[in-house]
Amino acid sequence: AVLLPGLGLTWRRLHDIGKSGLCILLGLIPVVGWIIVLVYVIKPSEP
């Protein structure tokens, strides 16, 4: 039930830092991709 809202929210979070939502696909790369996406969602918003 929360899969699509979670994907949409992560997509919008990537937009917030100026990245394309397609960067979420980096998470498909084992370990390295997960770390990259984690760094992206931790970054502060563009002001």
All heavy atoms as atom14 arrays in JSON, in Angstrom:
{
  "sequence": "AVLLPGLGLTWRRLHDIGKSGLCILLGLIPVVGWIIVLVYVIKPSEP",
  "atom14_mask": [
    [1, 1, 1, 1, 1, 0, 0, 0, 0, 0, 0, 0, 0, 0],
    [1, 1, 1, 1, 1, 1, 1, 0, 0, 0, 0, 0, 0, 0],
    [1, 1, 1, 1, 1, 1, 1, 1, 0, 0, 0, 0, 0, 0],
    [1, 1, 1, 1, 1, 1, 1, 1, 0, 0, 0, 0, 0, 0],
    [1, 1, 1, 1, 1, 1, 1, 0, 0, 0, 0, 0, 0, 0],
    [1, 1, 1, 1, 0, 0, 0, 0, 0, 0, 0, 0, 0, 0],
    [1, 1, 1, 1, 1, 1, 1, 1, 0, 0, 0, 0, 0, 0],
    [1, 1, 1, 1, 0, 0, 0, 0, 0, 0, 0, 0, 0, 0],
    [1, 1, 1, 1, 1, 1, 1, 1, 0, 0, 0, 0, 0, 0],
    [1, 1, 1, 1, 1, 1, 1, 0, 0, 0, 0, 0, 0, 0],
    [1, 1, 1, 1, 1, 1, 1, 1, 1, 1, 1, 1, 1, 1],
    [1, 1, 1, 1, 1, 1, 1, 1, 1, 1, 1, 0, 0, 0],
    [1, 1, 1, 1, 1, 1, 1, 1, 1, 1, 1, 0, 0, 0],
    [1, 1, 1, 1, 1, 1, 1, 1, 0, 0, 0, 0, 0, 0],
    [1, 1, 1, 1, 1, 1, 1, 1, 1, 1, 0, 0, 0, 0],
    [1, 1, 1, 1, 1, 1, 1, 1, 0, 0, 0, 0, 0, 0],
    [1, 1, 1, 1, 1, 1, 1, 1, 0, 0, 0, 0, 0, 0],
    [1, 1, 1, 1, 0, 0, 0, 0, 0, 0, 0, 0, 0, 0],
    [1, 1, 1, 1, 1, 1, 1, 1, 1, 0, 0, 0, 0, 0],
    [1, 1, 1, 1, 1, 1, 0, 0, 0, 0, 0, 0, 0, 0],
    [1, 1, 1, 1, 0, 0, 0, 0, 0, 0, 0, 0, 0, 0],
    [1, 1, 1, 1, 1, 1, 1, 1, 0, 0, 0, 0, 0, 0],
    [1, 1, 1, 1, 1, 1, 0, 0, 0, 0, 0, 0, 0, 0],
    [1, 1, 1, 1, 1, 1, 1, 1, 0, 0, 0, 0, 0, 0],
    [1, 1, 1, 1, 1, 1, 1, 1, 0, 0, 0, 0, 0, 0],
    [1, 1, 1, 1, 1, 1, 1, 1, 0, 0, 0, 0, 0, 0],
    [1, 1, 1, 1, 0, 0, 0, 0, 0, 0, 0, 0, 0, 0],
    [1, 1, 1, 1, 1, 1, 1, 1, 0, 0, 0, 0, 0, 0],
    [1, 1, 1, 1, 1, 1, 1, 1, 0, 0, 0, 0, 0, 0],
    [1, 1, 1, 1, 1, 1, 1, 0, 0, 0, 0, 0, 0, 0],
    [1, 1, 1, 1, 1, 1, 1, 0, 0, 0, 0, 0, 0, 0],
    [1, 1, 1, 1, 1, 1, 1, 0, 0, 0, 0, 0, 0, 0],
    [1, 1, 1, 1, 0, 0, 0, 0, 0, 0, 0, 0, 0, 0],
    [1, 1, 1, 1, 1, 1, 1, 1, 1, 1, 1, 1, 1, 1],
    [1, 1, 1, 1, 1, 1, 1, 1, 0, 0, 0, 0, 0, 0],
    [1, 1, 1, 1, 1, 1, 1, 1, 0, 0, 0, 0, 0, 0],
    [1, 1, 1, 1, 1, 1, 1, 0, 0, 0, 0, 0, 0, 0],
    [1, 1, 1, 1, 1, 1, 1, 1, 0, 0, 0, 0, 0, 0],
    [1, 1, 1, 1, 1, 1, 1, 0, 0, 0, 0, 0, 0, 0],
    [1, 1, 1, 1, 1, 1, 1, 1, 1, 1, 1, 1, 0, 0],
    [1, 1, 1, 1, 1, 1, 1, 0, 0, 0, 0, 0, 0, 0],
    [1, 1, 1, 1, 1, 1, 1, 1, 0, 0, 0, 0, 0, 0],
    [1, 1, 1, 1, 1, 1, 1, 1, 1, 0, 0, 0, 0, 0],
    [1, 1, 1, 1, 1, 1, 1, 0, 0, 0, 0, 0, 0, 0],
    [1, 1, 1, 1, 1, 1, 0, 0, 0, 0, 0, 0, 0, 0],
    [1, 1, 1, 1, 1, 1, 1, 1, 1, 0, 0, 0, 0, 0],
    [1, 1, 1, 1, 1, 1, 1, 0, 0, 0, 0, 0, 0, 0]
  ],
  "atom14_positions": [
    [[0.81, -1.22, 0.0], [0.0, 0.0, 0.0], [0.85, 1.27, 0.0], [0.44, 2.28, -0.57], [-0.95, 0.0, 1.2], [0.0, 0.0, 0.0], [0.0, 0.0, 0.0], [0.0, 0.0, 0.0], [0.0, 0.0, 0.0], [0.0, 0.0, 0.0], [0.0, 0.0, 0.0], [0.0, 0.0, 0.0], [0.0, 0.0, 0.0], [0.0, 0.0, 0.0]],
    [[2.01, 1.23, 0.63], [2.84, 2.43, 0.72], [3.99, 2.43, -0.28], [4.81, 3.34, -0.28], [3.38, 2.66, 2.15], [2.25, 2.9, 3.12], [4.28, 1.53, 2.6], [0.0, 0.0, 0.0], [0.0, 0.0, 0.0], [0.0, 0.0, 0.0], [0.0, 0.0, 0.0], [0.0, 0.0, 0.0], [0.0, 0.0, 0.0], [0.0, 0.0, 0.0]],
    [[4.04, 1.43, -1.16], [5.12, 1.37, -2.15], [5.07, 2.56, -3.11], [6.07, 3.28, -3.26], [5.05, 0.06, -2.93], [6.07, -0.09, -4.06], [7.47, -0.15, -3.48], [5.78, -1.31, -4.9], [0.0, 0.0, 0.0], [0.0, 0.0, 0.0], [0.0, 0.0, 0.0], [0.0, 0.0, 0.0], [0.0, 0.0, 0.0], [0.0, 0.0, 0.0]],
    [[3.93, 2.79, -3.73], [3.84, 3.91, -4.69], [3.98, 5.27, -4.02], [4.67, 6.13, -4.56], [2.54, 3.82, -5.49], [2.5, 2.7, -6.52], [1.14, 2.65, -7.21], [3.61, 2.85, -7.54], [0.0, 0.0, 0.0], [0.0, 0.0, 0.0], [0.0, 0.0, 0.0], [0.0, 0.0, 0.0], [0.0, 0.0, 0.0], [0.0, 0.0, 0.0]],
    [[3.34, 5.51, -2.86], [3.59, 6.8, -2.21], [5.06, 7.0, -1.86], [5.59, 8.1, -1.97], [2.73, 6.75, -0.94], [1.69, 5.75, -1.22], [2.3, 4.76, -2.16], [0.0, 0.0, 0.0], [0.0, 0.0, 0.0], [0.0, 0.0, 0.0], [0.0, 0.0, 0.0], [0.0, 0.0, 0.0], [0.0, 0.0, 0.0], [0.0, 0.0, 0.0]],
    [[5.74, 5.94, -1.44], [7.15, 6.04, -1.11], [8.01, 6.35, -2.33], [8.93, 7.17, -2.27], [0.0, 0.0, 0.0], [0.0, 0.0, 0.0], [0.0, 0.0, 0.0], [0.0, 0.0, 0.0], [0.0, 0.0, 0.0], [0.0, 0.0, 0.0], [0.0, 0.0, 0.0], [0.0, 0.0, 0.0], [0.0, 0.0, 0.0], [0.0, 0.0, 0.0]],
    [[7.71, 5.71, -3.45], [8.45, 6.0, -4.68], [8.19, 7.43, -5.15], [9.11, 8.14, -5.55], [8.05, 5.01, -5.79], [8.57, 3.6, -5.63], [7.98, 2.7, -6.72], [10.08, 3.55, -5.68], [0.0, 0.0, 0.0], [0.0, 0.0, 0.0], [0.0, 0.0, 0.0], [0.0, 0.0, 0.0], [0.0, 0.0, 0.0], [0.0, 0.0, 0.0]],
    [[6.93, 7.85, -5.08], [6.59, 9.23, -5.47], [7.27, 10.25, -4.58], [7.77, 11.27, -5.05], [0.0, 0.0, 0.0], [0.0, 0.0, 0.0], [0.0, 0.0, 0.0], [0.0, 0.0, 0.0], [0.0, 0.0, 0.0], [0.0, 0.0, 0.0], [0.0, 0.0, 0.0], [0.0, 0.0, 0.0], [0.0, 0.0, 0.0], [0.0, 0.0, 0.0]],
    [[7.31, 9.97, -3.3], [7.95, 10.89, -2.36], [9.45, 10.96, -2.6], [10.04, 12.05, -2.58], [7.66, 10.44, -0.92], [8.2, 11.33, 0.18], [7.61, 12.73, 0.08], [7.89, 10.72, 1.53], [0.0, 0.0, 0.0], [0.0, 0.0, 0.0], [0.0, 0.0, 0.0], [0.0, 0.0, 0.0], [0.0, 0.0, 0.0], [0.0, 0.0, 0.0]],
    [[10.09, 9.83, -2.85], [11.52, 9.83, -3.14], [11.79, 10.57, -4.44], [12.75, 11.34, -4.55], [12.06, 8.39, -3.22], [11.75, 7.72, -2.0], [13.56, 8.38, -3.44], [0.0, 0.0, 0.0], [0.0, 0.0, 0.0], [0.0, 0.0, 0.0], [0.0, 0.0, 0.0], [0.0, 0.0, 0.0], [0.0, 0.0, 0.0], [0.0, 0.0, 0.0]],
    [[10.93, 10.38, -5.43], [11.03, 11.07, -6.71], [10.99, 12.59, -6.48], [11.82, 13.33, -6.99], [9.88, 10.63, -7.6], [9.97, 10.99, -9.04], [9.65, 12.19, -9.61], [10.38, 10.14, -10.11], [9.83, 12.12, -10.97], [10.27, 10.88, -11.3], [10.82, 8.83, -10.16], [10.59, 10.34, -12.54], [11.13, 8.3, -11.4], [11.02, 9.05, -12.56]],
    [[10.01, 13.05, -5.68], [9.88, 14.48, -5.4], [11.03, 14.99, -4.55], [11.46, 16.13, -4.69], [8.54, 14.76, -4.7], [7.35, 14.55, -5.6], [6.05, 15.09, -5.03], [5.84, 14.89, -3.62], [5.27, 13.82, -3.09], [4.86, 12.83, -3.85], [5.1, 13.73, -1.79], [0.0, 0.0, 0.0], [0.0, 0.0, 0.0], [0.0, 0.0, 0.0]],
    [[11.56, 14.14, -3.66], [12.72, 14.54, -2.85], [13.94, 14.78, -3.75], [14.7, 15.71, -3.54], [13.01, 13.44, -1.81], [14.2, 13.73, -0.93], [13.92, 14.85, 0.06], [15.16, 15.26, 0.65], [15.71, 16.46, 0.49], [15.08, 17.39, -0.2], [16.85, 16.76, 1.03], [0.0, 0.0, 0.0], [0.0, 0.0, 0.0], [0.0, 0.0, 0.0]],
    [[14.13, 13.95, -4.74], [15.22, 14.15, -5.7], [15.01, 15.44, -6.48], [15.96, 16.16, -6.77], [15.35, 12.94, -6.63], [15.84, 11.66, -5.96], [15.71, 10.47, -6.89], [17.28, 11.81, -5.49], [0.0, 0.0, 0.0], [0.0, 0.0, 0.0], [0.0, 0.0, 0.0], [0.0, 0.0, 0.0], [0.0, 0.0, 0.0], [0.0, 0.0, 0.0]],
    [[13.76, 15.75, -6.82], [13.47, 17.03, -7.47], [13.88, 18.19, -6.58], [14.34, 19.22, -7.06], [11.98, 17.15, -7.78], [11.54, 16.37, -8.97], [10.22, 16.33, -9.35], [12.21, 15.61, -9.87], [10.11, 15.57, -10.43], [11.31, 15.12, -10.76], [0.0, 0.0, 0.0], [0.0, 0.0, 0.0], [0.0, 0.0, 0.0], [0.0, 0.0, 0.0]],
    [[13.7, 18.03, -5.28], [13.98, 19.1, -4.33], [15.46, 19.48, -4.3], [15.8, 20.63, -4.0], [13.53, 18.69, -2.93], [13.53, 19.84, -1.96], [13.08, 20.93, -2.33], [14.0, 19.64, -0.82], [0.0, 0.0, 0.0], [0.0, 0.0, 0.0], [0.0, 0.0, 0.0], [0.0, 0.0, 0.0], [0.0, 0.0, 0.0], [0.0, 0.0, 0.0]],
    [[16.33, 18.55, -4.63], [17.77, 18.87, -4.64], [18.26, 19.16, -6.05], [19.45, 19.28, -6.29], [18.61, 17.76, -3.99], [18.48, 16.45, -4.75], [18.26, 17.6, -2.53], [19.49, 15.41, -4.36], [0.0, 0.0, 0.0], [0.0, 0.0, 0.0], [0.0, 0.0, 0.0], [0.0, 0.0, 0.0], [0.0, 0.0, 0.0], [0.0, 0.0, 0.0]],
    [[17.3, 19.25, -7.0], [17.67, 19.61, -8.37], [18.04, 18.43, -9.25], [18.54, 18.62, -10.35], [0.0, 0.0, 0.0], [0.0, 0.0, 0.0], [0.0, 0.0, 0.0], [0.0, 0.0, 0.0], [0.0, 0.0, 0.0], [0.0, 0.0, 0.0], [0.0, 0.0, 0.0], [0.0, 0.0, 0.0], [0.0, 0.0, 0.0], [0.0, 0.0, 0.0]],
    [[17.79, 17.22, -8.79], [18.1, 16.02, -9.58], [16.82, 15.51, -10.26], [15.72, 15.74, -9.78], [18.65, 14.89, -8.69], [19.9, 15.24, -7.94], [21.07, 15.26, -8.87], [22.35, 15.5, -8.08], [23.46, 15.85, -8.93], [0.0, 0.0, 0.0], [0.0, 0.0, 0.0], [0.0, 0.0, 0.0], [0.0, 0.0, 0.0], [0.0, 0.0, 0.0]],
    [[17.0, 14.8, -11.35], [15.87, 14.17, -12.01], [15.37, 13.03, -11.13], [16.15, 12.36, -10.44], [16.31, 13.61, -13.36], [15.31, 12.76, -13.89], [0.0, 0.0, 0.0], [0.0, 0.0, 0.0], [0.0, 0.0, 0.0], [0.0, 0.0, 0.0], [0.0, 0.0, 0.0], [0.0, 0.0, 0.0], [0.0, 0.0, 0.0], [0.0, 0.0, 0.0]],
    [[14.08, 12.81, -11.16], [13.52, 11.71, -10.4], [14.03, 10.36, -10.85], [14.02, 9.38, -10.11], [0.0, 0.0, 0.0], [0.0, 0.0, 0.0], [0.0, 0.0, 0.0], [0.0, 0.0, 0.0], [0.0, 0.0, 0.0], [0.0, 0.0, 0.0], [0.0, 0.0, 0.0], [0.0, 0.0, 0.0], [0.0, 0.0, 0.0], [0.0, 0.0, 0.0]],
    [[14.5, 10.3, -12.09], [15.05, 9.04, -12.6], [16.3, 8.59, -11.86], [16.71, 7.44, -11.97], [15.35, 9.16, -14.1], [14.12, 9.24, -15.0], [14.52, 9.53, -16.43], [13.32, 7.95, -14.9], [0.0, 0.0, 0.0], [0.0, 0.0, 0.0], [0.0, 0.0, 0.0], [0.0, 0.0, 0.0], [0.0, 0.0, 0.0], [0.0, 0.0, 0.0]],
    [[16.9, 9.48, -11.08], [18.06, 9.1, -10.27], [17.69, 8.04, -9.25], [18.57, 7.39, -8.68], [18.65, 10.32, -9.56], [19.51, 11.44, -10.67], [0.0, 0.0, 0.0], [0.0, 0.0, 0.0], [0.0, 0.0, 0.0], [0.0, 0.0, 0.0], [0.0, 0.0, 0.0], [0.0, 0.0, 0.0], [0.0, 0.0, 0.0], [0.0, 0.0, 0.0]],
    [[16.39, 7.85, -9.02], [15.95, 6.81, -8.11], [16.39, 5.43, -8.61], [16.58, 4.5, -7.84], [14.42, 6.86, -7.89], [14.01, 6.1, -6.64], [13.67, 6.32, -9.08], [12.56, 6.28, -6.27], [0.0, 0.0, 0.0], [0.0, 0.0, 0.0], [0.0, 0.0, 0.0], [0.0, 0.0, 0.0], [0.0, 0.0, 0.0], [0.0, 0.0, 0.0]],
    [[16.58, 5.32, -9.93], [17.01, 4.06, -10.52], [18.43, 3.68, -10.11], [18.82, 2.52, -10.23], [16.89, 4.11, -12.04], [15.46, 4.27, -12.57], [15.47, 4.41, -14.08], [14.59, 3.11, -12.13], [0.0, 0.0, 0.0], [0.0, 0.0, 0.0], [0.0, 0.0, 0.0], [0.0, 0.0, 0.0], [0.0, 0.0, 0.0], [0.0, 0.0, 0.0]],
    [[19.19, 4.64, -9.61], [20.52, 4.33, -9.09], [20.43, 3.33, -7.94], [21.35, 2.57, -7.68], [21.24, 5.59, -8.62], [21.67, 6.56, -9.71], [22.16, 7.86, -9.08], [22.74, 5.95, -10.57], [0.0, 0.0, 0.0], [0.0, 0.0, 0.0], [0.0, 0.0, 0.0], [0.0, 0.0, 0.0], [0.0, 0.0, 0.0], [0.0, 0.0, 0.0]],
    [[19.3, 3.35, -7.24], [19.09, 2.43, -6.13], [19.06, 0.97, -6.56], [19.15, 0.07, -5.72], [0.0, 0.0, 0.0], [0.0, 0.0, 0.0], [0.0, 0.0, 0.0], [0.0, 0.0, 0.0], [0.0, 0.0, 0.0], [0.0, 0.0, 0.0], [0.0, 0.0, 0.0], [0.0, 0.0, 0.0], [0.0, 0.0, 0.0], [0.0, 0.0, 0.0]],
    [[18.94, 0.72, -7.85], [18.96, -0.65, -8.35], [20.38, -1.23, -8.37], [20.54, -2.44, -8.48], [18.35, -0.72, -9.75], [16.87, -0.36, -9.84], [16.42, -0.33, -11.29], [16.03, -1.32, -9.02], [0.0, 0.0, 0.0], [0.0, 0.0, 0.0], [0.0, 0.0, 0.0], [0.0, 0.0, 0.0], [0.0, 0.0, 0.0], [0.0, 0.0, 0.0]],
    [[21.38, -0.37, -8.28], [22.76, -0.82, -8.23], [23.04, -1.26, -6.78], [22.9, -0.45, -5.86], [23.74, 0.3, -8.63], [23.43, 0.82, -10.03], [25.18, -0.19, -8.52], [24.19, 2.08, -10.39], [0.0, 0.0, 0.0], [0.0, 0.0, 0.0], [0.0, 0.0, 0.0], [0.0, 0.0, 0.0], [0.0, 0.0, 0.0], [0.0, 0.0, 0.0]],
    [[23.4, -2.51, -6.57], [23.62, -2.97, -5.19], [24.68, -2.14, -4.46], [25.69, -1.76, -5.03], [24.1, -4.42, -5.37], [23.59, -4.83, -6.71], [23.59, -3.58, -7.54], [0.0, 0.0, 0.0], [0.0, 0.0, 0.0], [0.0, 0.0, 0.0], [0.0, 0.0, 0.0], [0.0, 0.0, 0.0], [0.0, 0.0, 0.0], [0.0, 0.0, 0.0]],
    [[24.44, -1.87, -3.24], [25.27, -1.17, -2.27], [25.66, 0.25, -2.72], [25.25, 1.21, -2.09], [26.54, -1.98, -1.88], [27.32, -1.26, -0.8], [26.16, -3.38, -1.43], [0.0, 0.0, 0.0], [0.0, 0.0, 0.0], [0.0, 0.0, 0.0], [0.0, 0.0, 0.0], [0.0, 0.0, 0.0], [0.0, 0.0, 0.0], [0.0, 0.0, 0.0]],
    [[26.42, 0.39, -3.79], [26.87, 1.72, -4.24], [25.68, 2.6, -4.6], [25.62, 3.77, -4.21], [27.84, 1.59, -5.44], [28.2, 2.94, -6.0], [29.08, 0.82, -5.04], [0.0, 0.0, 0.0], [0.0, 0.0, 0.0], [0.0, 0.0, 0.0], [0.0, 0.0, 0.0], [0.0, 0.0, 0.0], [0.0, 0.0, 0.0], [0.0, 0.0, 0.0]],
    [[24.72, 2.06, -5.33], [23.54, 2.82, -5.71], [22.72, 3.24, -4.51], [22.2, 4.35, -4.45], [0.0, 0.0, 0.0], [0.0, 0.0, 0.0], [0.0, 0.0, 0.0], [0.0, 0.0, 0.0], [0.0, 0.0, 0.0], [0.0, 0.0, 0.0], [0.0, 0.0, 0.0], [0.0, 0.0, 0.0], [0.0, 0.0, 0.0], [0.0, 0.0, 0.0]],
    [[22.6, 2.34, -3.54], [21.85, 2.65, -2.33], [22.5, 3.81, -1.58], [21.81, 4.7, -1.07], [21.76, 1.45, -1.4], [21.19, 0.21, -2.02], [20.35, 0.14, -3.11], [21.42, -1.13, -1.62], [20.06, -1.17, -3.39], [20.7, -1.97, -2.49], [22.18, -1.7, -0.61], [20.69, -3.35, -2.37], [22.17, -3.08, -0.49], [21.44, -3.89, -1.36]],
    [[23.82, 3.79, -1.52], [24.55, 4.85, -0.83], [24.37, 6.18, -1.55], [24.15, 7.22, -0.92], [26.04, 4.48, -0.68], [26.18, 3.3, 0.27], [26.86, 5.67, -0.19], [27.57, 2.69, 0.32], [0.0, 0.0, 0.0], [0.0, 0.0, 0.0], [0.0, 0.0, 0.0], [0.0, 0.0, 0.0], [0.0, 0.0, 0.0], [0.0, 0.0, 0.0]],
    [[24.43, 6.16, -2.87], [24.25, 7.39, -3.65], [22.87, 7.98, -3.4], [22.73, 9.18, -3.14], [24.49, 7.13, -5.15], [25.96, 6.79, -5.4], [24.06, 8.33, -5.98], [26.25, 6.29, -6.79], [0.0, 0.0, 0.0], [0.0, 0.0, 0.0], [0.0, 0.0, 0.0], [0.0, 0.0, 0.0], [0.0, 0.0, 0.0], [0.0, 0.0, 0.0]],
    [[21.83, 7.15, -3.48], [20.46, 7.64, -3.24], [20.32, 8.15, -1.81], [19.69, 9.19, -1.58], [19.42, 6.55, -3.57], [18.02, 7.0, -3.17], [19.45, 6.21, -5.06], [0.0, 0.0, 0.0], [0.0, 0.0, 0.0], [0.0, 0.0, 0.0], [0.0, 0.0, 0.0], [0.0, 0.0, 0.0], [0.0, 0.0, 0.0], [0.0, 0.0, 0.0]],
    [[20.92, 7.47, -0.84], [20.87, 7.93, 0.55], [21.52, 9.3, 0.69], [20.96, 10.18, 1.35], [21.56, 6.91, 1.48], [21.61, 7.31, 2.95], [20.21, 7.37, 3.53], [22.48, 6.33, 3.73], [0.0, 0.0, 0.0], [0.0, 0.0, 0.0], [0.0, 0.0, 0.0], [0.0, 0.0, 0.0], [0.0, 0.0, 0.0], [0.0, 0.0, 0.0]],
    [[22.66, 9.49, 0.06], [23.33, 10.8, 0.11], [22.43, 11.87, -0.52], [22.31, 12.97, 0.01], [24.7, 10.74, -0.6], [25.27, 12.13, -0.81], [25.67, 9.89, 0.21], [0.0, 0.0, 0.0], [0.0, 0.0, 0.0], [0.0, 0.0, 0.0], [0.0, 0.0, 0.0], [0.0, 0.0, 0.0], [0.0, 0.0, 0.0], [0.0, 0.0, 0.0]],
    [[21.77, 11.53, -1.61], [20.87, 12.49, -2.26], [19.71, 12.89, -1.36], [19.37, 14.07, -1.27], [20.32, 11.93, -3.57], [21.28, 11.96, -4.73], [21.02, 11.23, -5.88], [22.44, 12.72, -4.72], [21.87, 11.25, -6.97], [23.3, 12.75, -5.79], [23.01, 12.01, -6.91], [23.86, 12.04, -7.99], [0.0, 0.0, 0.0], [0.0, 0.0, 0.0]],
    [[19.07, 11.92, -0.69], [17.91, 12.28, 0.12], [18.31, 12.98, 1.41], [17.48, 13.64, 2.03], [16.99, 11.06, 0.41], [16.43, 10.5, -0.87], [17.68, 10.0, 1.22], [0.0, 0.0, 0.0], [0.0, 0.0, 0.0], [0.0, 0.0, 0.0], [0.0, 0.0, 0.0], [0.0, 0.0, 0.0], [0.0, 0.0, 0.0], [0.0, 0.0, 0.0]],
    [[19.57, 12.86, 1.82], [20.05, 13.56, 3.01], [20.41, 15.02, 2.7], [20.31, 15.88, 3.57], [21.27, 12.82, 3.61], [20.83, 11.5, 4.23], [21.98, 13.66, 4.65], [21.96, 10.63, 4.7], [0.0, 0.0, 0.0], [0.0, 0.0, 0.0], [0.0, 0.0, 0.0], [0.0, 0.0, 0.0], [0.0, 0.0, 0.0], [0.0, 0.0, 0.0]],
    [[20.79, 15.29, 1.45], [21.22, 16.64, 1.08], [20.14, 17.68, 1.4], [18.95, 17.39, 1.3], [21.53, 16.71, -0.42], [22.82, 16.03, -0.79], [23.04, 16.09, -2.28], [23.4, 17.5, -2.68], [23.87, 17.59, -4.07], [0.0, 0.0, 0.0], [0.0, 0.0, 0.0], [0.0, 0.0, 0.0], [0.0, 0.0, 0.0], [0.0, 0.0, 0.0]],
    [[20.55, 18.89, 1.76], [19.56, 19.95, 2.01], [18.87, 20.39, 0.72], [19.41, 20.24, -0.37], [20.38, 21.08, 2.61], [21.79, 20.78, 2.3], [21.91, 19.32, 2.05], [0.0, 0.0, 0.0], [0.0, 0.0, 0.0], [0.0, 0.0, 0.0], [0.0, 0.0, 0.0], [0.0, 0.0, 0.0], [0.0, 0.0, 0.0], [0.0, 0.0, 0.0]],
    [[17.69, 20.94, 0.89], [16.91, 21.42, -0.25], [17.6, 22.59, -0.92], [18.36, 23.34, -0.28], [15.53, 21.89, 0.22], [14.86, 20.85, 0.87], [0.0, 0.0, 0.0], [0.0, 0.0, 0.0], [0.0, 0.0, 0.0], [0.0, 0.0, 0.0], [0.0, 0.0, 0.0], [0.0, 0.0, 0.0], [0.0, 0.0, 0.0], [0.0, 0.0, 0.0]],
    [[17.32, 22.76, -2.22], [17.77, 23.98, -2.88], [16.95, 25.13, -2.3], [15.72, 25.04, -2.21], [17.56, 23.88, -4.39], [18.53, 22.97, -5.07], [18.43, 23.02, -6.59], [17.42, 23.51, -7.11], [19.37, 22.56, -7.24], [0.0, 0.0, 0.0], [0.0, 0.0, 0.0], [0.0, 0.0, 0.0], [0.0, 0.0, 0.0], [0.0, 0.0, 0.0]],
    [[17.59, 26.21, -1.89], [16.88, 27.27, -1.18], [15.99, 28.15, -2.06], [15.27, 29.0, -1.56], [18.02, 28.1, -0.57], [19.19, 27.84, -1.46], [19.03, 26.45, -1.97], [0.0, 0.0, 0.0], [0.0, 0.0, 0.0], [0.0, 0.0, 0.0], [0.0, 0.0, 0.0], [0.0, 0.0, 0.0], [0.0, 0.0, 0.0], [0.0, 0.0, 0.0]]
  ]
}
